[in-house]
Structures are given as C-alpha cells and as structure tokens.
Amino acid sequence: MPLAAAVEGSHFGADMVVVGLLFVLAWGLGRLGKLIGLPAIPVYMLVGLLASPYTGWFPLDLEGDYIGLIAVMGLVLLLFNLGLEFDQDEFFGNAGKLLVSGGTYILVNMAVGLGFGFLVGWGTPEALIIAGITATSSSAIVTKLLIELGRLTNRETPMILGITVVEDVFIAIYLAIVGVVLSGETELWPVVGRLALSFTFIVVMFAIARFGGRVVSRLMRTKDDELFTILFFGLAVLFGGIGELLGVTDAIGAFLIGLVLGATRFRNRIETIAVPLRDVFGAFFFLNFGLALDASAFGGVLVPVLAAVLMTVVLNIVAGQVVARLNGLGAQEGINTTVILQNRGEFALILATLSLSAGLDERIQPFAGLYVLILSIGGPMLAAQSERIGGVLLGSRRRKRRGAAGSTATTPRAARPNAMTAEEIALVEAAMSGEPGERSSSDHERDEPVAGGHRDTN
C-alpha cells in the first residue's frame, strides 16, 4: 500500500488525540494530587476510570490491542525496575534479620488474607489471588512517601525498606506459584514439573545476579546510549516473554532480568534511562487498568472491599507493632510502620490483570481496583499524620520520646545503629528520581561498585 494511502486510511489520529488529552488530564490531576500528598497510581487509575467505555465520556476505541500491548510494556518495565533497584547487599548481608521482620509481616497478612479469600466464596484460585492482593505493600508508594515525608532519617526506616526487599523476593516466588495455579493444570506430576521449572529459573537468575555481574557487564559494554537503551529494553521484553512461556509470568521474567542487570556496573546508567521509560509506560498500565473498570460493578464488591480495607488496616496495626518490637523499636515507630506499609498498589493490579486473563471470577478486577483506590488515596493521608496520631494515642509517652529524640540529635551514628547516613539517604533519593548522583555522562564506562558486593575491574 502506498504511504499516502496508508496515512489517509489511518484511524489512529483520533485515538492519539484522546490518549494525549488523557495524559494531560493525568498531569493536571496529578498536580492537584501532589497538594494533598497523593501518589500517581490512583490518579492514573481515576483518569482511566473516567475514560472507561462504560462511562461514554471519551470517544476512545478500545477494540484494538495496541493500548493493551503498551500496557504490557508498562508492566514489564515496572517489574524490570523493581528488580533493578533490588538491594542484594541489604538482603544477603542481613538476611536473617530481614527474613524475620519481612517474613512476619508477610505471614500475618498472607494467612489472614487467604482465610478472607475463602470467606468471600469466589473460589480457591480467587482466594489465592485475593490473599496476594491484600498481603504486600506497594514498594513504589512506600519509598516515595518516606522521601516526601522526610522520614529517611527515622529509626524505623531501615526496617521498612528491609521489609519491602523481602516482599520483592516473596513476589517473585508467589508469582511463580500463581502462574502454575492459573495454568489450569490438575495432574500432579505436570504441576510439580512446572513448579520445578519455575523455581529453577528463579534460582538460576538469582545466582547470575549474585555471582555473574562481571561477565554480564562485559556483554553489555557500549558507549552508544541509543544502542545501550535498545539492549536493556530488548532484554526486559525478551525475558518477560521467556517468563510467560516458562509459566512464571512475564512480570517475574522482567523482574529477574532487572535483578541481573542491577548486579552490573551499568546499574546507575540503566536507571537514568529506564526510570522515565517506566513512568511513561507504567502510566499506560494503570490507565489501561482504569479503562477496564466499570464503576457500576463497584456496588457488587463494595462490602468485600470495605471488609478487606478494614482487615488490612487492623493487620498492619498488629504487624507494625510486632516487627517494631522485633527490631527494638517503640510504639510510635510501630505506628509509622503501619501507616507506611498499608499502602497497596501495582502488585495488586498485576494480580487482578493475571486473574482476568486466566478467566477467573470477573469480580476480582473491580475488587482490586476499588481496594487499591481506597488504600492508595487514604494511605498517604494517614501516613502524613502518623506523628499526630501517635501523639494522641500515646499521650505523655509521646512527649517523653520527643525529649529523648532531642537528646539523641547530637548522638554519633555509632550510637544510633538504626539511623541512616546522609550518603544512604542520597542513594535512596537518587534511586527513586532516576538520578545517578554526582555521576556525569563521561563516567558511563568507568568501573562502579556492583550490587551484591562484586565489582567489575575490567
């Protein structure tokens, strides 16, 4: 077909205008949301919900698969960046303490969430999905809140970040199990075989990330930023597809290759380019999820959602205090932990998307959407007031703690092992903003410390 005829017959123009307007609307609502401390995730979902074909407010044609394909790229990049930012040194260096804290938090939420899923009565696979939706925090929202609320120096912050690291490992294992369950396989040995293949893939990729950073660095070496971007983006999509074919889902395939590339000396360089890509494509993922929501279906899941929200808040109150005590922290630190970790986001939506593609109960999608909207809007608001909440609940003990905090303001770091140094704070902020700190573009090919304790000296 001649080019002119192709352009004349193209039907993308109107859709491009609508999608562009939706992103501008997301920008406007996002600016307003920042004034009250809202993260971007619920804003994108709300814009998608407004533009949903069920409302008829926007003339957006959803019959094609191109928006869905872009949303899949968003999912891949979200999990790729999660793997890229995974702190192997923190995990392997403090594995015992992290597993106790993070494992306790996950175990409490997962066990009760699974019981709640069965109580809802939608089916066994649905109960497993509901348990995953309600069990883990949104690491993106958690880290951004710690930065925006100025709490990187708080005593509980290293513990909170450690719990999110353990949650990342749990997500990898959980998605592998969910992938097998949703495959519909019922015979014992095929199920065992698929699980063995999934876990072998995970173990091998973790081993490469831990011990193969130097080799992978050599394979990725190039001074051309364009080719470098094409390479890591292609690897993210490739391993997403491999993960899907192996039955561990595209999300976990992308997470694992991100983990491997995060172990190279090019980690900062990749983050500088990948974070803006993640933000744009990730916005499509959340927008697309909102587009698939029917607000009229919220009424049918309202009671289970409100029960799930109440359950999450109560469980996080208990778990926050338990993990705080396990780490030698007080009641206020437990309250701060509770309100930060109760935020839910991208992982819940990923599970809902997987359940929809697997043909599970259609109520899972509006359940996850409304659940995430409530917690991702209310959670940050509560987090911003946690100090005041603690002051009201703890009374005189809170005033005493303020006095003690004043006396420790000049205490050396050695006497306050749970505090974060200025360098550590800068690293966390740089990781979230995608900035490689003091690093200039001419330093791309210089040696950098490799995650996991390895360094490429070549």
Protein backbone atom coordinates (compact mmCIF):
# COMPACT_ATOMS: atom_id res chain seq x y z
CA MET A 1 0.00 0.00 0.00
CA PRO A 2 1.43 3.46 -0.92
CA LEU A 3 2.44 5.57 2.08
CA ALA A 4 -0.04 8.34 1.30
CA ALA A 5 -2.93 5.87 1.15
CA ALA A 6 -1.82 4.29 4.42
CA VAL A 7 -1.74 7.64 6.17
CA GLU A 8 -5.10 8.65 4.69
CA GLY A 9 -6.66 5.39 5.85
CA SER A 10 -5.14 5.53 9.32
CA HIS A 11 -7.61 5.58 12.21
CA PHE A 12 -5.03 6.30 14.91
CA GLY A 13 -5.27 10.08 14.76
CA ALA A 14 -8.43 10.42 16.83
CA ASP A 15 -7.23 7.88 19.37
CA MET A 16 -3.89 9.67 19.66
CA VAL A 17 -5.70 12.92 20.41
CA VAL A 18 -7.81 11.23 23.10
CA VAL A 19 -4.83 9.43 24.68
CA GLY A 20 -2.85 12.67 24.64
CA LEU A 21 -5.73 14.50 26.33
CA LEU A 22 -5.94 11.74 28.96
CA PHE A 23 -2.26 12.16 29.78
CA VAL A 24 -2.66 15.93 30.03
CA LEU A 25 -5.65 15.34 32.32
CA ALA A 26 -3.50 12.94 34.36
CA TRP A 27 -0.86 15.67 34.63
CA GLY A 28 -3.43 18.20 35.86
CA LEU A 29 -4.98 15.84 38.40
CA GLY A 30 -1.51 14.71 39.42
CA ARG A 31 -0.53 18.29 40.22
CA LEU A 32 -3.64 18.64 42.37
CA GLY A 33 -2.98 15.28 44.00
CA LYS A 34 0.52 16.36 44.99
CA LEU A 35 -1.01 19.15 47.08
CA ILE A 36 -2.62 16.55 49.35
CA GLY A 37 0.18 14.01 49.11
CA LEU A 38 -1.40 11.55 46.64
CA PRO A 39 0.91 9.25 44.65
CA ALA A 40 0.49 8.91 40.90
CA ILE A 41 -1.04 5.41 40.84
CA PRO A 42 -4.61 6.30 41.95
CA VAL A 43 -4.55 9.40 39.73
CA TYR A 44 -3.84 7.35 36.60
CA MET A 45 -6.49 4.81 37.60
CA LEU A 46 -9.08 7.55 38.13
CA VAL A 47 -8.32 9.06 34.72
CA GLY A 48 -8.72 5.62 33.14
CA LEU A 49 -11.97 5.11 35.04
CA LEU A 50 -13.30 8.46 33.76
CA ALA A 51 -12.37 7.49 30.20
CA SER A 52 -13.77 3.97 30.53
CA PRO A 53 -16.13 2.96 27.69
CA TYR A 54 -18.67 2.25 30.42
CA THR A 55 -18.94 6.00 31.06
CA GLY A 56 -19.07 7.07 27.41
CA TRP A 57 -17.38 10.39 28.25
CA PHE A 58 -14.40 9.90 25.92
CA PRO A 59 -14.60 8.58 22.33
CA LEU A 60 -11.77 6.09 22.84
CA ASP A 61 -11.85 2.96 20.66
CA LEU A 62 -10.65 0.01 22.74
CA GLU A 63 -11.36 -2.69 20.18
CA GLY A 64 -7.70 -2.84 19.10
CA ASP A 65 -4.95 -4.37 21.17
CA TYR A 66 -2.41 -1.57 20.85
CA ILE A 67 -3.24 0.10 24.18
CA GLY A 68 -3.19 -3.29 25.89
CA LEU A 69 0.20 -4.07 24.32
CA ILE A 70 1.62 -0.76 25.54
CA ALA A 71 0.19 -1.56 28.98
CA VAL A 72 2.05 -4.90 28.94
CA MET A 73 5.26 -2.98 28.19
CA GLY A 74 4.43 -0.84 31.23
CA LEU A 75 4.01 -3.93 33.38
CA VAL A 76 7.33 -5.32 32.12
CA LEU A 77 9.17 -2.07 32.86
CA LEU A 78 7.57 -1.73 36.31
CA LEU A 79 8.88 -5.15 37.34
CA PHE A 80 12.17 -4.64 35.48
CA ASN A 81 12.86 -1.50 37.53
CA LEU A 82 11.81 -3.30 40.70
CA GLY A 83 14.47 -5.93 40.01
CA LEU A 84 16.98 -3.28 39.00
CA GLU A 85 16.60 -1.47 42.33
CA PHE A 86 16.64 -4.65 44.43
CA ASP A 87 19.32 -4.26 47.11
CA GLN A 88 21.24 -7.53 47.12
CA ASP A 89 23.78 -6.27 49.66
CA GLU A 90 21.00 -5.40 52.08
CA PHE A 91 19.24 -8.71 51.56
CA PHE A 92 22.18 -11.10 51.70
CA GLY A 93 24.07 -9.07 54.31
CA ASN A 94 21.17 -9.01 56.79
CA ALA A 95 19.17 -11.98 55.55
CA GLY A 96 18.36 -13.38 58.99
CA LYS A 97 17.02 -10.16 60.46
CA LEU A 98 15.22 -9.19 57.25
CA LEU A 99 13.55 -12.58 56.88
CA VAL A 100 12.29 -12.43 60.47
CA SER A 101 10.87 -8.90 60.06
CA GLY A 102 9.62 -9.19 56.48
CA GLY A 103 8.54 -12.81 56.88
CA THR A 104 6.49 -11.97 59.97
CA TYR A 105 4.78 -9.10 58.18
CA ILE A 106 4.01 -11.17 55.08
CA LEU A 107 2.96 -14.26 57.04
CA VAL A 108 0.43 -12.34 59.15
CA ASN A 109 -1.11 -10.60 56.12
CA MET A 110 -0.98 -13.62 53.81
CA ALA A 111 -2.50 -16.12 56.26
CA VAL A 112 -5.43 -13.90 57.21
CA GLY A 113 -5.82 -12.72 53.59
CA LEU A 114 -6.11 -16.33 52.40
CA GLY A 115 -8.76 -17.04 55.02
CA PHE A 116 -10.58 -13.89 53.94
CA GLY A 117 -10.39 -15.02 50.30
CA PHE A 118 -12.06 -18.32 51.14
CA LEU A 119 -14.64 -16.47 53.25
CA VAL A 120 -15.61 -14.34 50.24
CA GLY A 121 -16.52 -17.60 48.50
CA TRP A 122 -15.48 -16.82 44.92
CA GLY A 123 -13.35 -19.96 44.51
CA THR A 124 -9.95 -21.37 45.52
CA PRO A 125 -7.83 -19.69 42.79
CA GLU A 126 -9.65 -16.43 43.52
CA ALA A 127 -8.86 -16.82 47.24
CA LEU A 128 -5.16 -17.18 46.38
CA ILE A 129 -5.31 -14.01 44.26
CA ILE A 130 -7.16 -12.07 46.98
CA ALA A 131 -4.55 -13.16 49.53
CA GLY A 132 -1.78 -11.82 47.29
CA ILE A 133 -3.65 -8.58 46.65
CA THR A 134 -4.05 -7.90 50.37
CA ALA A 135 -0.67 -9.24 51.56
CA THR A 136 2.03 -6.96 50.13
CA SER A 137 2.72 -3.24 50.09
CA SER A 138 3.47 -1.04 47.11
CA SER A 139 7.24 -0.53 47.24
CA ALA A 140 6.96 2.46 44.90
CA ILE A 141 4.43 4.27 47.13
CA VAL A 142 6.26 3.29 50.32
CA THR A 143 9.63 4.63 49.17
CA LYS A 144 8.17 7.82 47.71
CA LEU A 145 6.29 8.52 50.94
CA LEU A 146 9.44 8.05 53.02
CA ILE A 147 11.18 10.63 50.86
CA GLU A 148 8.31 13.12 50.56
CA LEU A 149 7.51 13.00 54.29
CA GLY A 150 11.18 13.49 55.19
CA ARG A 151 11.41 10.23 57.14
CA LEU A 152 14.57 8.73 55.70
CA THR A 153 16.32 9.59 58.98
CA ASN A 154 13.68 7.92 61.15
CA ARG A 155 14.76 4.92 63.21
CA GLU A 156 12.13 2.65 61.64
CA THR A 157 13.05 3.48 58.02
CA PRO A 158 15.80 0.83 57.53
CA MET A 159 13.35 -1.78 58.84
CA ILE A 160 10.60 -0.60 56.46
CA LEU A 161 12.93 -0.67 53.46
CA GLY A 162 14.14 -4.11 54.54
CA ILE A 163 10.56 -5.41 54.63
CA THR A 164 9.96 -4.14 51.07
CA VAL A 165 13.12 -6.02 49.96
CA VAL A 166 11.74 -9.26 51.43
CA GLU A 167 8.37 -8.53 49.79
CA ASP A 168 10.14 -8.30 46.43
CA VAL A 169 11.56 -11.81 46.92
CA PHE A 170 8.15 -13.05 48.05
CA ILE A 171 6.51 -11.56 44.95
CA ALA A 172 8.95 -13.48 42.73
CA ILE A 173 8.13 -16.79 44.41
CA TYR A 174 4.41 -16.05 44.70
CA LEU A 175 4.03 -15.15 41.02
CA ALA A 176 5.72 -18.42 40.08
CA ILE A 177 3.16 -20.34 42.16
CA VAL A 178 0.24 -18.27 40.86
CA GLY A 179 1.39 -18.85 37.28
CA VAL A 180 1.15 -22.61 37.78
CA VAL A 181 -2.20 -22.41 39.59
CA LEU A 182 -3.74 -20.23 36.88
CA SER A 183 -2.46 -22.52 34.13
CA GLY A 184 -5.38 -24.86 34.85
CA GLU A 185 -3.15 -27.94 35.18
CA THR A 186 -4.67 -30.53 37.54
CA GLU A 187 -2.40 -33.57 37.16
CA LEU A 188 0.14 -33.91 39.99
CA TRP A 189 3.36 -34.52 38.09
CA PRO A 190 2.83 -31.84 35.42
CA VAL A 191 2.16 -29.37 38.25
CA VAL A 192 5.32 -30.49 40.07
CA GLY A 193 7.27 -30.20 36.83
CA ARG A 194 6.05 -26.66 36.14
CA LEU A 195 6.84 -25.59 39.70
CA ALA A 196 10.31 -27.15 39.47
CA LEU A 197 10.95 -25.34 36.17
CA SER A 198 9.71 -22.04 37.62
CA PHE A 199 11.85 -22.26 40.74
CA THR A 200 14.90 -23.39 38.74
CA PHE A 201 14.53 -20.31 36.55
CA ILE A 202 14.30 -18.07 39.62
CA VAL A 203 17.30 -19.69 41.36
CA VAL A 204 19.47 -19.55 38.24
CA MET A 205 18.69 -15.87 37.65
CA PHE A 206 19.37 -15.01 41.30
CA ALA A 207 22.69 -16.89 41.07
CA ILE A 208 23.69 -15.00 37.91
CA ALA A 209 22.77 -11.72 39.62
CA ARG A 210 24.80 -12.62 42.68
CA PHE A 211 27.91 -14.03 41.05
CA GLY A 212 27.85 -13.08 37.36
CA GLY A 213 27.82 -9.29 37.45
CA ARG A 214 31.31 -9.02 35.94
CA VAL A 215 30.50 -11.28 32.99
CA VAL A 216 27.20 -9.55 32.23
CA SER A 217 28.94 -6.15 32.44
CA ARG A 218 31.34 -7.21 29.68
CA LEU A 219 28.48 -8.33 27.45
CA MET A 220 26.65 -5.00 27.87
CA ARG A 221 29.60 -2.68 27.29
CA THR A 222 28.86 0.04 24.75
CA LYS A 223 29.40 3.81 24.68
CA ASP A 224 26.40 4.44 22.43
CA ASP A 225 23.43 5.43 24.61
CA GLU A 226 20.93 4.62 21.88
CA LEU A 227 22.21 1.06 21.40
CA PHE A 228 22.53 0.66 25.18
CA THR A 229 18.86 1.60 25.62
CA ILE A 230 17.78 -0.76 22.85
CA LEU A 231 19.76 -3.57 24.50
CA PHE A 232 18.35 -3.38 28.04
CA PHE A 233 14.80 -2.66 26.81
CA GLY A 234 15.04 -5.65 24.48
CA LEU A 235 16.31 -7.85 27.31
CA ALA A 236 13.44 -6.75 29.57
CA VAL A 237 10.85 -7.62 26.91
CA LEU A 238 12.67 -10.83 25.91
CA PHE A 239 12.83 -12.20 29.44
CA GLY A 240 9.26 -11.09 30.06
CA GLY A 241 8.30 -13.34 27.14
CA ILE A 242 10.54 -16.16 28.39
CA GLY A 243 8.92 -15.93 31.81
CA GLU A 244 5.49 -16.14 30.22
CA LEU A 245 6.48 -19.23 28.20
CA LEU A 246 8.00 -20.91 31.27
CA GLY A 247 4.85 -20.32 33.27
CA VAL A 248 6.27 -17.81 35.78
CA THR A 249 4.50 -14.83 34.09
CA ASP A 250 6.02 -12.02 32.07
CA ALA A 251 6.20 -9.85 35.18
CA ILE A 252 8.59 -12.13 37.04
CA GLY A 253 10.72 -12.69 33.91
CA ALA A 254 11.20 -8.93 33.66
CA PHE A 255 11.92 -8.70 37.41
CA LEU A 256 14.64 -11.34 37.20
CA ILE A 257 16.49 -9.80 34.24
CA GLY A 258 16.28 -6.45 36.06
CA LEU A 259 17.87 -8.18 39.05
CA VAL A 260 20.71 -9.45 36.84
CA LEU A 261 21.34 -6.09 35.16
CA GLY A 262 21.21 -4.39 38.55
CA ALA A 263 24.23 -6.51 39.51
CA THR A 264 26.36 -4.97 36.76
CA ARG A 265 28.46 -1.83 36.85
CA PHE A 266 25.94 -0.20 34.50
CA ARG A 267 23.14 -0.14 37.07
CA ASN A 268 23.13 3.65 37.53
CA ARG A 269 23.31 4.23 33.79
CA ILE A 270 20.36 1.91 33.17
CA GLU A 271 18.31 3.56 35.94
CA THR A 272 18.91 7.01 34.44
CA ILE A 273 17.26 5.89 31.20
CA ALA A 274 14.83 3.25 32.48
CA VAL A 275 13.03 5.32 35.14
CA PRO A 276 11.49 7.82 32.65
CA LEU A 277 10.53 4.88 30.40
CA ARG A 278 8.95 3.14 33.40
CA ASP A 279 6.98 6.25 34.33
CA VAL A 280 5.52 6.70 30.84
CA PHE A 281 4.77 3.05 30.06
CA GLY A 282 3.74 2.39 33.67
CA ALA A 283 1.20 5.20 33.36
CA PHE A 284 -0.29 3.28 30.43
CA PHE A 285 -0.58 0.17 32.60
CA PHE A 286 -2.51 1.96 35.36
CA LEU A 287 -4.52 3.96 32.83
CA ASN A 288 -5.42 0.77 30.96
CA PHE A 289 -6.48 -0.90 34.20
CA GLY A 290 -8.79 2.02 34.93
CA LEU A 291 -10.18 1.85 31.39
CA ALA A 292 -11.27 -1.73 32.03
CA LEU A 293 -13.14 -0.83 35.22
CA ASP A 294 -16.89 -0.44 35.31
CA ALA A 295 -17.84 1.87 38.16
CA SER A 296 -21.29 0.30 38.24
CA ALA A 297 -19.64 -3.00 39.25
CA PHE A 298 -18.23 -1.43 42.43
CA GLY A 299 -21.57 -1.86 44.16
CA GLY A 300 -21.35 -5.62 43.87
CA VAL A 301 -17.93 -5.75 45.56
CA LEU A 302 -18.33 -2.83 47.97
CA VAL A 303 -18.89 -4.95 51.09
CA PRO A 304 -15.92 -7.31 50.42
CA VAL A 305 -13.71 -4.33 49.59
CA LEU A 306 -14.59 -2.42 52.77
CA ALA A 307 -14.04 -5.62 54.78
CA ALA A 308 -10.67 -6.10 53.06
CA VAL A 309 -9.65 -2.50 53.77
CA LEU A 310 -10.62 -2.87 57.44
CA MET A 311 -8.75 -6.18 57.62
CA THR A 312 -5.64 -4.60 56.05
CA VAL A 313 -5.65 -1.68 58.49
CA VAL A 314 -6.10 -3.91 61.53
CA LEU A 315 -3.48 -6.43 60.40
CA ASN A 316 -0.99 -3.67 59.70
CA ILE A 317 -1.55 -2.18 63.14
CA VAL A 318 -0.71 -5.56 64.66
CA ALA A 319 2.14 -6.39 62.26
CA GLY A 320 3.63 -2.89 62.56
CA GLN A 321 3.90 -3.16 66.33
CA VAL A 322 5.21 -6.75 66.17
CA VAL A 323 8.03 -6.02 63.70
CA ALA A 324 8.88 -2.81 65.56
CA ARG A 325 9.32 -4.77 68.80
CA LEU A 326 11.36 -7.43 66.98
CA ASN A 327 13.74 -4.65 65.91
CA GLY A 328 13.91 -2.99 69.32
CA LEU A 329 11.74 -0.02 68.34
CA GLY A 330 8.91 1.67 70.21
CA ALA A 331 5.18 2.17 69.73
CA GLN A 332 5.49 5.37 67.67
CA GLU A 333 7.87 3.68 65.26
CA GLY A 334 5.33 0.86 65.00
CA ILE A 335 2.60 3.38 64.11
CA ASN A 336 4.83 4.96 61.46
CA THR A 337 5.50 1.49 60.05
CA THR A 338 1.79 0.65 59.99
CA VAL A 339 0.64 3.68 58.01
CA ILE A 340 3.50 3.43 55.50
CA LEU A 341 3.24 -0.31 54.78
CA GLN A 342 -0.56 -0.42 54.48
CA ASN A 343 -0.39 1.26 51.07
CA ARG A 344 -1.30 -1.10 48.24
CA GLY A 345 -0.70 -0.54 44.53
CA GLU A 346 0.92 -2.07 41.48
CA PHE A 347 1.22 -5.70 42.64
CA ALA A 348 -2.49 -5.91 43.46
CA LEU A 349 -3.33 -4.64 39.99
CA ILE A 350 -0.88 -7.07 38.36
CA LEU A 351 -2.59 -9.98 40.12
CA ALA A 352 -6.02 -8.73 39.06
CA THR A 353 -4.81 -8.49 35.45
CA LEU A 354 -3.46 -12.05 35.61
CA SER A 355 -6.72 -13.34 37.06
CA LEU A 356 -8.71 -11.69 34.28
CA SER A 357 -6.54 -13.24 31.56
CA ALA A 358 -6.91 -16.64 33.29
CA GLY A 359 -10.71 -16.42 33.19
CA LEU A 360 -11.27 -16.20 36.95
CA ASP A 361 -14.25 -14.52 38.59
CA GLU A 362 -14.79 -11.14 36.93
CA ARG A 363 -15.40 -9.53 40.31
CA ILE A 364 -11.66 -9.75 41.07
CA GLN A 365 -10.92 -6.77 38.82
CA PRO A 366 -13.37 -4.24 40.36
CA PHE A 367 -12.44 -5.62 43.79
CA ALA A 368 -8.74 -4.92 43.22
CA GLY A 369 -9.43 -1.57 41.58
CA LEU A 370 -11.62 -0.20 44.38
CA TYR A 371 -9.37 -1.71 47.08
CA VAL A 372 -6.25 -0.06 45.63
CA LEU A 373 -8.04 3.24 45.07
CA ILE A 374 -9.18 3.43 48.70
CA LEU A 375 -5.82 2.46 50.22
CA SER A 376 -3.61 4.39 47.80
CA ILE A 377 -5.66 7.55 48.44
CA GLY A 378 -6.30 7.14 52.17
CA GLY A 379 -2.94 5.56 52.99
CA PRO A 380 -0.72 8.57 52.16
CA MET A 381 -3.10 10.89 54.01
CA LEU A 382 -2.82 8.75 57.16
CA ALA A 383 0.94 8.43 56.70
CA ALA A 384 1.31 12.21 56.71
CA GLN A 385 -0.49 12.35 60.07
CA SER A 386 1.15 9.37 61.80
CA GLU A 387 3.15 11.53 64.20
CA ARG A 388 -0.01 13.31 65.32
CA ILE A 389 -1.87 10.01 65.56
CA GLY A 390 0.92 8.69 67.75
CA GLY A 391 0.83 11.81 69.88
CA VAL A 392 -2.88 11.37 70.53
CA LEU A 393 -2.71 7.62 71.18
CA LEU A 394 0.47 7.59 73.24
CA GLY A 395 -0.10 10.78 75.20
CA SER A 396 2.59 11.55 77.77
CA ARG A 397 4.85 8.79 76.49
CA ARG A 398 4.98 10.65 73.16
CA ARG A 399 6.17 13.84 74.91
CA LYS A 400 8.89 11.93 76.71
CA ARG A 401 10.02 10.46 73.41
CA ARG A 402 10.32 13.92 71.91
CA GLY A 403 12.65 14.87 74.72
CA ALA A 404 14.71 11.76 74.15
CA ALA A 405 14.83 12.48 70.42
CA GLY A 406 16.23 15.91 71.14
CA SER A 407 18.98 14.45 73.26
CA THR A 408 19.94 11.96 70.53
CA ALA A 409 20.13 14.60 67.83
CA THR A 410 23.83 15.03 68.55
CA THR A 411 24.49 11.35 69.21
CA PRO A 412 27.09 9.84 66.88
CA ARG A 413 25.97 7.39 64.19
CA ALA A 414 27.76 4.56 66.01
CA ALA A 415 25.42 5.02 68.97
CA ARG A 416 22.37 5.01 66.72
CA PRO A 417 22.73 1.93 64.52
CA ASN A 418 19.23 2.20 63.05
CA ALA A 419 19.77 5.70 61.66
CA MET A 420 20.58 6.31 58.01
CA THR A 421 23.61 8.32 56.95
CA ALA A 422 23.39 11.29 54.60
CA GLU A 423 25.05 9.16 51.91
CA GLU A 424 22.43 6.42 52.29
CA ILE A 425 19.63 8.99 52.12
CA ALA A 426 21.10 10.45 48.92
CA LEU A 427 21.32 6.98 47.36
CA VAL A 428 17.66 6.23 48.11
CA GLU A 429 16.52 9.59 46.76
CA ALA A 430 18.64 9.14 43.63
CA ALA A 431 17.21 5.66 43.07
CA MET A 432 13.65 6.99 43.19
CA SER A 433 14.34 10.02 40.99
CA GLY A 434 16.44 8.10 38.50
CA GLU A 435 19.42 10.40 39.02
CA PRO A 436 22.84 8.81 39.31
CA GLY A 437 24.04 11.31 41.88
CA GLU A 438 27.31 13.03 41.05
CA ARG A 439 27.95 10.78 38.08
CA SER A 440 28.48 12.50 34.72
CA SER A 441 27.78 11.11 31.29
CA SER A 442 31.50 10.68 30.67
CA ASP A 443 31.65 8.20 33.54
CA HIS A 444 29.44 5.59 31.87
CA GLU A 445 32.31 3.29 31.07
CA ARG A 446 34.12 3.67 34.37
CA ASP A 447 34.04 0.98 36.96
CA GLU A 448 31.23 1.11 39.52
CA PRO A 449 30.51 -0.99 42.58
CA VAL A 450 28.36 -3.92 41.55
CA ALA A 451 25.25 -4.84 43.51
CA GLY A 452 25.75 -7.95 45.54
CA GLY A 453 29.23 -7.00 46.65
CA HIS A 454 31.02 -7.58 43.30
CA ARG A 455 32.98 -5.13 41.29
CA ASP A 456 33.95 -5.21 37.65
CA THR A 457 37.58 -4.25 37.38
CA ASN A 458 37.88 -4.84 33.69
